[in-house]
């Protein structure tokens, strides 16, 4: 599916994904209220303004996170992605963040 996308679109998706992964990790570690947009952008290695190209405000990332996590669950339940793969990826991300 991503093979049909232009390089620009692939980069946009990658940036959005990095923002969501960073936000989720930081919300878990520090809580939603204690996490600033600047924290998310720093963890995702993008400029602060880049965040607002994808989300209107910090709270706008929440529905995106919910949708992403539901999509992951659906992929696991449908057998498209083994549960072990998800846990291993999450473990590696958590270890890399330390």
PDB file of N, CA and C in Angstrom:
ATOM      1  N   UNK A   1       0.829  -1.193   0.000  1.00  0.00           N
ATOM      2  CA  UNK A   1       0.000   0.000   0.000  1.00  0.00           C
ATOM      3  C   UNK A   1       0.865   1.245   0.000  1.00  0.00           C
ATOM      4  N   UNK A   2       1.872   1.312   0.864  1.00  0.00           N
ATOM      5  CA  UNK A   2       2.729   2.486   0.932  1.00  0.00           C
ATOM      6  C   UNK A   2       3.610   2.625  -0.294  1.00  0.00           C
ATOM      7  N   UNK A   3       3.799   1.534  -1.030  1.00  0.00           N
ATOM      8  CA  UNK A   3       4.651   1.576  -2.213  1.00  0.00           C
ATOM      9  C   UNK A   3       4.078   2.479  -3.291  1.00  0.00           C
ATOM     10  N   UNK A   4       2.775   2.655  -3.294  1.00  0.00           N
ATOM     11  CA  UNK A   4       2.124   3.489  -4.294  1.00  0.00           C
ATOM     12  C   UNK A   4       2.133   4.963  -3.922  1.00  0.00           C
ATOM     13  N   UNK A   5       2.564   5.279  -2.722  1.00  0.00           N
ATOM     14  CA  UNK A   5       2.582   6.665  -2.264  1.00  0.00           C
ATOM     15  C   UNK A   5       3.843   7.363  -2.747  1.00  0.00           C
ATOM     16  N   UNK A   6       3.736   8.653  -2.934  1.00  0.00           N
ATOM     17  CA  UNK A   6       4.912   9.434  -3.292  1.00  0.00           C
ATOM     18  C   UNK A   6       5.851   9.514  -2.097  1.00  0.00           C
ATOM     19  N   UNK A   7       7.082   9.884  -2.345  1.00  0.00           N
ATOM     20  CA  UNK A   7       8.060  10.021  -1.262  1.00  0.00           C
ATOM     21  C   UNK A   7       7.556  11.031  -0.236  1.00  0.00           C
ATOM     22  N   UNK A   8       6.979  12.115  -0.697  1.00  0.00           N
ATOM     23  CA  UNK A   8       6.461  13.154   0.194  1.00  0.00           C
ATOM     24  C   UNK A   8       5.371  12.604   1.110  1.00  0.00           C
ATOM     25  N   UNK A   9       4.451  11.837   0.548  1.00  0.00           N
ATOM     26  CA  UNK A   9       3.374  11.254   1.353  1.00  0.00           C
ATOM     27  C   UNK A   9       3.913  10.236   2.350  1.00  0.00           C
ATOM     28  N   UNK A  10       4.901   9.447   1.928  1.00  0.00           N
ATOM     29  CA  UNK A  10       5.512   8.484   2.863  1.00  0.00           C
ATOM     30  C   UNK A  10       6.168   9.223   4.021  1.00  0.00           C
ATOM     31  N   UNK A  11       6.877  10.306   3.734  1.00  0.00           N
ATOM     32  CA  UNK A  11       7.530  11.092   4.777  1.00  0.00           C
ATOM     33  C   UNK A  11       6.496  11.705   5.723  1.00  0.00           C
ATOM     34  N   UNK A  12       5.390  12.173   5.187  1.00  0.00           N
ATOM     35  CA  UNK A  12       4.320  12.729   6.026  1.00  0.00           C
ATOM     36  C   UNK A  12       3.788  11.666   6.980  1.00  0.00           C
ATOM     37  N   UNK A  13       3.551  10.480   6.457  1.00  0.00           N
ATOM     38  CA  UNK A  13       3.045   9.390   7.300  1.00  0.00           C
ATOM     39  C   UNK A  13       4.055   9.009   8.371  1.00  0.00           C
ATOM     40  N   UNK A  14       5.327   8.958   7.982  1.00  0.00           N
ATOM     41  CA  UNK A  14       6.372   8.615   8.946  1.00  0.00           C
ATOM     42  C   UNK A  14       6.453   9.659  10.058  1.00  0.00           C
ATOM     43  N   UNK A  15       6.370  10.925   9.700  1.00  0.00           N
ATOM     44  CA  UNK A  15       6.433  11.996  10.694  1.00  0.00           C
ATOM     45  C   UNK A  15       5.238  11.922  11.625  1.00  0.00           C
ATOM     46  N   UNK A  16       4.054  11.742  11.079  1.00  0.00           N
ATOM     47  CA  UNK A  16       2.843  11.626  11.895  1.00  0.00           C
ATOM     48  C   UNK A  16       2.951  10.439  12.847  1.00  0.00           C
ATOM     49  N   UNK A  17       3.471   9.334  12.337  1.00  0.00           N
ATOM     50  CA  UNK A  17       3.630   8.139  13.166  1.00  0.00           C
ATOM     51  C   UNK A  17       4.636   8.386  14.286  1.00  0.00           C
ATOM     52  N   UNK A  18       5.743   9.045  13.983  1.00  0.00           N
ATOM     53  CA  UNK A  18       6.730   9.352  15.023  1.00  0.00           C
ATOM     54  C   UNK A  18       6.138  10.244  16.103  1.00  0.00           C
ATOM     55  N   UNK A  19       5.331  11.213  15.688  1.00  0.00           N
ATOM     56  CA  UNK A  19       4.669  12.088  16.663  1.00  0.00           C
ATOM     57  C   UNK A  19       3.732  11.294  17.561  1.00  0.00           C
ATOM     58  N   UNK A  20       2.957  10.399  16.967  1.00  0.00           N
ATOM     59  CA  UNK A  20       2.020   9.610  17.768  1.00  0.00           C
ATOM     60  C   UNK A  20       2.746   8.660  18.712  1.00  0.00           C
ATOM     61  N   UNK A  21       3.794   8.011  18.236  1.00  0.00           N
ATOM     62  CA  UNK A  21       4.545   7.096  19.090  1.00  0.00           C
ATOM     63  C   UNK A  21       5.197   7.844  20.241  1.00  0.00           C
ATOM     64  N   UNK A  22       5.757   9.008  19.953  1.00  0.00           N
ATOM     65  CA  UNK A  22       6.396   9.811  21.008  1.00  0.00           C
ATOM     66  C   UNK A  22       5.353  10.273  22.018  1.00  0.00           C
ATOM     67  N   UNK A  23       4.220  10.743  21.536  1.00  0.00           N
ATOM     68  CA  UNK A  23       3.164  11.219  22.435  1.00  0.00           C
ATOM     69  C   UNK A  23       2.679  10.092  23.332  1.00  0.00           C
ATOM     70  N   UNK A  24       2.418   8.944  22.773  1.00  0.00           N
ATOM     71  CA  UNK A  24       1.926   7.813  23.562  1.00  0.00           C
ATOM     72  C   UNK A  24       2.934   7.429  24.642  1.00  0.00           C
ATOM     73  N   UNK A  25       4.199   7.346  24.271  1.00  0.00           N
ATOM     74  CA  UNK A  25       5.233   6.990  25.240  1.00  0.00           C
ATOM     75  C   UNK A  25       5.320   8.025  26.356  1.00  0.00           C
ATOM     76  N   UNK A  26       5.312   9.310  25.990  1.00  0.00           N
ATOM     77  CA  UNK A  26       5.423  10.359  26.995  1.00  0.00           C
ATOM     78  C   UNK A  26       4.184  10.450  27.878  1.00  0.00           C
ATOM     79  N   UNK A  27       3.009  10.256  27.305  1.00  0.00           N
ATOM     80  CA  UNK A  27       1.785  10.259  28.108  1.00  0.00           C
ATOM     81  C   UNK A  27       1.836   9.132  29.134  1.00  0.00           C
ATOM     82  N   UNK A  28       2.356   7.979  28.729  1.00  0.00           N
ATOM     83  CA  UNK A  28       2.477   6.851  29.653  1.00  0.00           C
ATOM     84  C   UNK A  28       3.475   7.157  30.769  1.00  0.00           C
ATOM     85  N   UNK A  29       4.603   7.738  30.383  1.00  0.00           N
ATOM     86  CA  UNK A  29       5.676   7.984  31.350  1.00  0.00           C
ATOM     87  C   UNK A  29       5.380   9.139  32.298  1.00  0.00           C
ATOM     88  N   UNK A  30       4.807  10.228  31.774  1.00  0.00           N
ATOM     89  CA  UNK A  30       4.667  11.459  32.552  1.00  0.00           C
ATOM     90  C   UNK A  30       3.230  11.898  32.772  1.00  0.00           C
ATOM     91  N   UNK A  31       2.302  11.278  32.050  1.00  0.00           N
ATOM     92  CA  UNK A  31       0.909  11.699  32.111  1.00  0.00           C
ATOM     93  C   UNK A  31       0.617  12.739  31.042  1.00  0.00           C
ATOM     94  N   UNK A  32      -0.637  12.817  30.683  1.00  0.00           N
ATOM     95  CA  UNK A  32      -1.057  13.739  29.625  1.00  0.00           C
ATOM     96  C   UNK A  32      -0.790  15.190  30.011  1.00  0.00           C
ATOM     97  N   UNK A  33      -1.227  15.591  31.195  1.00  0.00           N
ATOM     98  CA  UNK A  33      -1.101  16.991  31.606  1.00  0.00           C
ATOM     99  C   UNK A  33       0.350  17.446  31.741  1.00  0.00           C
ATOM    100  N   UNK A  34       1.234  16.548  32.136  1.00  0.00           N
ATOM    101  CA  UNK A  34       2.638  16.912  32.334  1.00  0.00           C
ATOM    102  C   UNK A  34       3.455  16.883  31.043  1.00  0.00           C
ATOM    103  N   UNK A  35       2.860  16.437  29.951  1.00  0.00           N
ATOM    104  CA  UNK A  35       3.562  16.358  28.676  1.00  0.00           C
ATOM    105  C   UNK A  35       3.197  17.556  27.815  1.00  0.00           C
ATOM    106  N   UNK A  36       4.198  18.306  27.412  1.00  0.00           N
ATOM    107  CA  UNK A  36       3.992  19.471  26.551  1.00  0.00           C
ATOM    108  C   UNK A  36       4.225  19.088  25.087  1.00  0.00           C
ATOM    109  N   UNK A  37       3.658  19.869  24.203  1.00  0.00           N
ATOM    110  CA  UNK A  37       3.883  19.653  22.772  1.00  0.00           C
ATOM    111  C   UNK A  37       5.382  19.659  22.477  1.00  0.00           C
ATOM    112  N   UNK A  38       6.121  20.530  23.136  1.00  0.00           N
ATOM    113  CA  UNK A  38       7.564  20.599  22.935  1.00  0.00           C
ATOM    114  C   UNK A  38       8.245  19.278  23.297  1.00  0.00           C
ATOM    115  N   UNK A  39       7.751  18.614  24.337  1.00  0.00           N
ATOM    116  CA  UNK A  39       8.298  17.314  24.724  1.00  0.00           C
ATOM    117  C   UNK A  39       8.077  16.289  23.615  1.00  0.00           C
ATOM    118  N   UNK A  40       6.880  16.319  23.060  1.00  0.00           N
ATOM    119  CA  UNK A  40       6.528  15.373  21.992  1.00  0.00           C
ATOM    120  C   UNK A  40       7.391  15.619  20.760  1.00  0.00           C
ATOM    121  N   UNK A  41       7.517  16.877  20.360  1.00  0.00           N
ATOM    122  CA  UNK A  41       8.292  17.173  19.156  1.00  0.00           C
ATOM    123  C   UNK A  41       9.768  16.877  19.353  1.00  0.00           C
ATOM    124  N   UNK A  42      10.271  17.125  20.542  1.00  0.00           N
ATOM    125  CA  UNK A  42      11.670  16.807  20.807  1.00  0.00           C
ATOM    126  C   UNK A  42      11.896  15.299  20.721  1.00  0.00           C
ATOM    127  N   UNK A  43      10.996  14.523  21.319  1.00  0.00           N
ATOM    128  CA  UNK A  43      11.118  13.064  21.283  1.00  0.00           C
ATOM    129  C   UNK A  43      10.966  12.521  19.858  1.00  0.00           C
ATOM    130  N   UNK A  44      10.164  13.186  19.042  1.00  0.00           N
ATOM    131  CA  UNK A  44       9.948  12.755  17.657  1.00  0.00           C
ATOM    132  C   UNK A  44      10.991  13.335  16.704  1.00  0.00           C
ATOM    133  N   UNK A  45      11.852  14.208  17.232  1.00  0.00           N
ATOM    134  CA  UNK A  45      12.912  14.843  16.457  1.00  0.00           C
ATOM    135  C   UNK A  45      12.370  15.679  15.292  1.00  0.00           C
ATOM    136  N   UNK A  46      11.368  16.498  15.619  1.00  0.00           N
ATOM    137  CA  UNK A  46      10.829  17.443  14.645  1.00  0.00           C
ATOM    138  C   UNK A  46      10.681  18.812  15.315  1.00  0.00           C
ATOM    139  N   UNK A  47      10.518  19.833  14.522  1.00  0.00           N
ATOM    140  CA  UNK A  47      10.318  21.180  15.048  1.00  0.00           C
ATOM    141  C   UNK A  47       8.924  21.293  15.662  1.00  0.00           C
ATOM    142  N   UNK A  48       8.793  22.195  16.627  1.00  0.00           N
ATOM    143  CA  UNK A  48       7.503  22.365  17.306  1.00  0.00           C
ATOM    144  C   UNK A  48       6.383  22.669  16.315  1.00  0.00           C
ATOM    145  N   UNK A  49       6.656  23.517  15.348  1.00  0.00           N
ATOM    146  CA  UNK A  49       5.636  23.873  14.361  1.00  0.00           C
ATOM    147  C   UNK A  49       5.156  22.687  13.543  1.00  0.00           C
ATOM    148  N   UNK A  50       6.005  21.691  13.391  1.00  0.00           N
ATOM    149  CA  UNK A  50       5.627  20.502  12.625  1.00  0.00           C
ATOM    150  C   UNK A  50       4.445  19.795  13.272  1.00  0.00           C
ATOM    151  N   UNK A  51       4.413  19.787  14.595  1.00  0.00           N
ATOM    152  CA  UNK A  51       3.301  19.155  15.303  1.00  0.00           C
ATOM    153  C   UNK A  51       1.970  19.726  14.817  1.00  0.00           C
ATOM    154  N   UNK A  52       1.929  21.032  14.654  1.00  0.00           N
ATOM    155  CA  UNK A  52       0.681  21.699  14.292  1.00  0.00           C
ATOM    156  C   UNK A  52       0.325  21.547  12.813  1.00  0.00           C
ATOM    157  N   UNK A  53       1.233  20.999  12.031  1.00  0.00           N
ATOM    158  CA  UNK A  53       0.889  20.623  10.653  1.00  0.00           C
ATOM    159  C   UNK A  53       0.024  19.367  10.640  1.00  0.00           C
ATOM    160  N   UNK A  54       0.097  18.606  11.720  1.00  0.00           N
ATOM    161  CA  UNK A  54      -0.619  17.333  11.806  1.00  0.00           C
ATOM    162  C   UNK A  54      -1.792  17.358  12.779  1.00  0.00           C
ATOM    163  N   UNK A  55      -1.666  18.157  13.830  1.00  0.00           N
ATOM    164  CA  UNK A  55      -2.691  18.209  14.875  1.00  0.00           C
ATOM    165  C   UNK A  55      -2.909  19.665  15.281  1.00  0.00           C
ATOM    166  N   UNK A  56      -4.166  20.070  15.441  1.00  0.00           N
ATOM    167  CA  UNK A  56      -4.487  21.454  15.788  1.00  0.00           C
ATOM    168  C   UNK A  56      -3.990  21.854  17.164  1.00  0.00           C
ATOM    169  N   UNK A  57      -4.022  20.910  18.090  1.00  0.00           N
ATOM    170  CA  UNK A  57      -3.613  21.158  19.476  1.00  0.00           C
ATOM    171  C   UNK A  57      -3.239  19.818  20.090  1.00  0.00           C
ATOM    172  N   UNK A  58      -2.699  19.851  21.292  1.00  0.00           N
ATOM    173  CA  UNK A  58      -2.282  18.609  21.954  1.00  0.00           C
ATOM    174  C   UNK A  58      -3.450  17.637  22.082  1.00  0.00           C
ATOM    175  N   UNK A  59      -4.620  18.139  22.422  1.00  0.00           N
ATOM    176  CA  UNK A  59      -5.749  17.215  22.605  1.00  0.00           C
ATOM    177  C   UNK A  59      -6.222  16.606  21.285  1.00  0.00           C
ATOM    178  N   UNK A  60      -5.844  17.181  20.163  1.00  0.00           N
ATOM    179  CA  UNK A  60      -6.247  16.636  18.868  1.00  0.00           C
ATOM    180  C   UNK A  60      -5.510  15.348  18.522  1.00  0.00           C
ATOM    181  N   UNK A  61      -4.418  15.082  19.228  1.00  0.00           N
ATOM    182  CA  UNK A  61      -3.693  13.833  18.963  1.00  0.00           C
ATOM    183  C   UNK A  61      -4.394  12.638  19.608  1.00  0.00           C
ATOM    184  N   UNK A  62      -5.233  12.884  20.601  1.00  0.00           N
ATOM    185  CA  UNK A  62      -5.880  11.774  21.324  1.00  0.00           C
ATOM    186  C   UNK A  62      -6.758  10.898  20.432  1.00  0.00           C
ATOM    187  N   UNK A  63      -7.639  11.463  19.607  1.00  0.00           N
ATOM    188  CA  UNK A  63      -8.425  10.591  18.718  1.00  0.00           C
ATOM    189  C   UNK A  63      -7.548   9.823  17.725  1.00  0.00           C
ATOM    190  N   UNK A  64      -6.459  10.450  17.286  1.00  0.00           N
ATOM    191  CA  UNK A  64      -5.540   9.761  16.379  1.00  0.00           C
ATOM    192  C   UNK A  64      -4.877   8.582  17.080  1.00  0.00           C
ATOM    193  N   UNK A  65      -4.481   8.784  18.330  1.00  0.00           N
ATOM    194  CA  UNK A  65      -3.883   7.692  19.105  1.00  0.00           C
ATOM    195  C   UNK A  65      -4.878   6.555  19.317  1.00  0.00           C
ATOM    196  N   UNK A  66      -6.101   6.913  19.640  1.00  0.00           N
ATOM    197  CA  UNK A  66      -7.136   5.890  19.847  1.00  0.00           C
ATOM    198  C   UNK A  66      -7.372   5.092  18.568  1.00  0.00           C
ATOM    199  N   UNK A  67      -7.472   5.777  17.457  1.00  0.00           N
ATOM    200  CA  UNK A  67      -7.676   5.099  16.173  1.00  0.00           C
ATOM    201  C   UNK A  67      -6.511   4.197  15.809  1.00  0.00           C
ATOM    202  N   UNK A  68      -5.311   4.674  16.044  1.00  0.00           N
ATOM    203  CA  UNK A  68      -4.111   3.894  15.753  1.00  0.00           C
ATOM    204  C   UNK A  68      -4.073   2.625  16.596  1.00  0.00           C
ATOM    205  N   UNK A  69      -4.349   2.757  17.902  1.00  0.00           N
ATOM    206  CA  UNK A  69      -4.319   1.593  18.786  1.00  0.00           C
ATOM    207  C   UNK A  69      -5.435   0.592  18.425  1.00  0.00           C
ATOM    208  N   UNK A  70      -6.606   1.094  18.049  1.00  0.00           N
ATOM    209  CA  UNK A  70      -7.694   0.200  17.626  1.00  0.00           C
ATOM    210  C   UNK A  70      -7.318  -0.527  16.342  1.00  0.00           C
ATOM    211  N   UNK A  71      -6.652   0.167  15.443  1.00  0.00           N
ATOM    212  CA  UNK A  71      -6.206  -0.466  14.205  1.00  0.00           C
ATOM    213  C   UNK A  71      -5.199  -1.579  14.505  1.00  0.00           C
ATOM    214  N   UNK A  72      -4.287  -1.325  15.444  1.00  0.00           N
ATOM    215  CA  UNK A  72      -3.325  -2.352  15.836  1.00  0.00           C
ATOM    216  C   UNK A  72      -4.035  -3.567  16.419  1.00  0.00           C
ATOM    217  N   UNK A  73      -4.998  -3.325  17.277  1.00  0.00           N
ATOM    218  CA  UNK A  73      -5.762  -4.422  17.876  1.00  0.00           C
ATOM    219  C   UNK A  73      -6.481  -5.224  16.796  1.00  0.00           C
ATOM    220  N   UNK A  74      -7.092  -4.530  15.861  1.00  0.00           N
ATOM    221  CA  UNK A  74      -7.793  -5.209  14.778  1.00  0.00           C
ATOM    222  C   UNK A  74      -6.835  -6.075  13.962  1.00  0.00           C
ATOM    223  N   UNK A  75      -5.640  -5.561  13.674  1.00  0.00           N
ATOM    224  CA  UNK A  75      -4.661  -6.328  12.913  1.00  0.00           C
ATOM    225  C   UNK A  75      -4.242  -7.585  13.668  1.00  0.00           C
ATOM    226  N   UNK A  76      -4.071  -7.473  14.959  1.00  0.00           N
ATOM    227  CA  UNK A  76      -3.714  -8.635  15.767  1.00  0.00           C
ATOM    228  C   UNK A  76      -4.861  -9.640  15.762  1.00  0.00           C
ATOM    229  N   UNK A  77      -6.080  -9.161  15.989  1.00  0.00           N
ATOM    230  CA  UNK A  77      -7.235 -10.060  16.056  1.00  0.00           C
ATOM    231  C   UNK A  77      -7.510 -10.747  14.719  1.00  0.00           C
ATOM    232  N   UNK A  78      -7.227 -10.065  13.628  1.00  0.00           N
ATOM    233  CA  UNK A  78      -7.451 -10.648  12.309  1.00  0.00           C
ATOM    234  C   UNK A  78      -6.254 -11.474  11.843  1.00  0.00           C
ATOM    235  N   UNK A  79      -5.225 -11.521  12.666  1.00  0.00           N
ATOM    236  CA  UNK A  79      -4.068 -12.329  12.331  1.00  0.00           C
ATOM    237  C   UNK A  79      -3.125 -11.703  11.333  1.00  0.00           C
ATOM    238  N   UNK A  80      -3.313 -10.431  11.032  1.00  0.00           N
ATOM    239  CA  UNK A  80      -2.423  -9.758  10.082  1.00  0.00           C
ATOM    240  C   UNK A  80      -1.078  -9.424  10.697  1.00  0.00           C
ATOM    241  N   UNK A  81      -1.074  -9.288  11.993  1.00  0.00           N
ATOM    242  CA  UNK A  81       0.154  -8.954  12.701  1.00  0.00           C
ATOM    243  C   UNK A  81       0.180  -9.765  13.982  1.00  0.00           C
ATOM    244  N   UNK A  82       1.176 -10.603  14.131  1.00  0.00           N
ATOM    245  CA  UNK A  82       1.234 -11.427  15.341  1.00  0.00           C
ATOM    246  C   UNK A  82       1.362 -10.574  16.593  1.00  0.00           C
ATOM    247  N   UNK A  83       0.711 -10.992  17.641  1.00  0.00           N
ATOM    248  CA  UNK A  83       0.771 -10.277  18.910  1.00  0.00           C
ATOM    249  C   UNK A  83       2.207 -10.179  19.406  1.00  0.00           C
ATOM    250  N   UNK A  84       2.969 -11.215  19.218  1.00  0.00           N
ATOM    251  CA  UNK A  84       4.363 -11.222  19.661  1.00  0.00           C
ATOM    252  C   UNK A  84       5.131 -10.070  19.015  1.00  0.00           C
ATOM    253  N   UNK A  85       4.891  -9.814  17.745  1.00  0.00           N
ATOM    254  CA  UNK A  85       5.569  -8.723  17.037  1.00  0.00           C
ATOM    255  C   UNK A  85       5.278  -7.390  17.708  1.00  0.00           C
ATOM    256  N   UNK A  86       4.035  -7.163  18.060  1.00  0.00           N
ATOM    257  CA  UNK A  86       3.650  -5.901  18.700  1.00  0.00           C
ATOM    258  C   UNK A  86       4.335  -5.742  20.042  1.00  0.00           C
ATOM    259  N   UNK A  87       4.352  -6.812  20.837  1.00  0.00           N
ATOM    260  CA  UNK A  87       4.980  -6.723  22.150  1.00  0.00           C
ATOM    261  C   UNK A  87       6.479  -6.506  22.017  1.00  0.00           C
ATOM    262  N   UNK A  88       7.092  -7.176  21.068  1.00  0.00           N
ATOM    263  CA  UNK A  88       8.532  -7.026  20.865  1.00  0.00           C
ATOM    264  C   UNK A  88       8.865  -5.604  20.417  1.00  0.00           C
ATOM    265  N   UNK A  89       8.075  -5.064  19.521  1.00  0.00           N
ATOM    266  CA  UNK A  89       8.294  -3.692  19.060  1.00  0.00           C
ATOM    267  C   UNK A  89       8.129  -2.711  20.222  1.00  0.00           C
ATOM    268  N   UNK A  90       7.101  -2.897  21.025  1.00  0.00           N
ATOM    269  CA  UNK A  90       6.866  -2.013  22.165  1.00  0.00           C
ATOM    270  C   UNK A  90       8.007  -2.119  23.178  1.00  0.00           C
ATOM    271  N   UNK A  91       8.500  -3.329  23.397  1.00  0.00           N
ATOM    272  CA  UNK A  91       9.605  -3.529  24.336  1.00  0.00           C
ATOM    273  C   UNK A  91      10.874  -2.839  23.846  1.00  0.00           C
ATOM    274  N   UNK A  92      11.162  -2.966  22.555  1.00  0.00           N
ATOM    275  CA  UNK A  92      12.350  -2.317  21.994  1.00  0.00           C
ATOM    276  C   UNK A  92      12.238  -0.796  22.091  1.00  0.00           C
ATOM    277  N   UNK A  93      11.048  -0.267  21.821  1.00  0.00           N
ATOM    278  CA  UNK A  93      10.850   1.173  21.914  1.00  0.00           C
ATOM    279  C   UNK A  93      11.034   1.655  23.352  1.00  0.00           C
ATOM    280  N   UNK A  94      10.525   0.895  24.292  1.00  0.00           N
ATOM    281  CA  UNK A  94      10.659   1.280  25.696  1.00  0.00           C
ATOM    282  C   UNK A  94      12.118   1.238  26.138  1.00  0.00           C
ATOM    283  N   UNK A  95      12.846   0.221  25.677  1.00  0.00           N
ATOM    284  CA  UNK A  95      14.261   0.115  26.034  1.00  0.00           C
ATOM    285  C   UNK A  95      15.073   1.221  25.383  1.00  0.00           C
ATOM    286  N   UNK A  96      14.751   1.580  24.165  1.00  0.00           N
ATOM    287  CA  UNK A  96      15.474   2.640  23.457  1.00  0.00           C
ATOM    288  C   UNK A  96      15.234   3.997  24.102  1.00  0.00           C
ATOM    289  N   UNK A  97      14.083   4.169  24.723  1.00  0.00           N
ATOM    290  CA  UNK A  97      13.739   5.447  25.329  1.00  0.00           C
ATOM    291  C   UNK A  97      14.503   5.682  26.636  1.00  0.00           C
ATOM    292  N   UNK A  98      15.024   4.631  27.230  1.00  0.00           N
ATOM    293  CA  UNK A  98      15.717   4.761  28.520  1.00  0.00           C
ATOM    294  C   UNK A  98      17.091   5.293  28.376  1.00  0.00           C
TER     295      UNK A  98
END
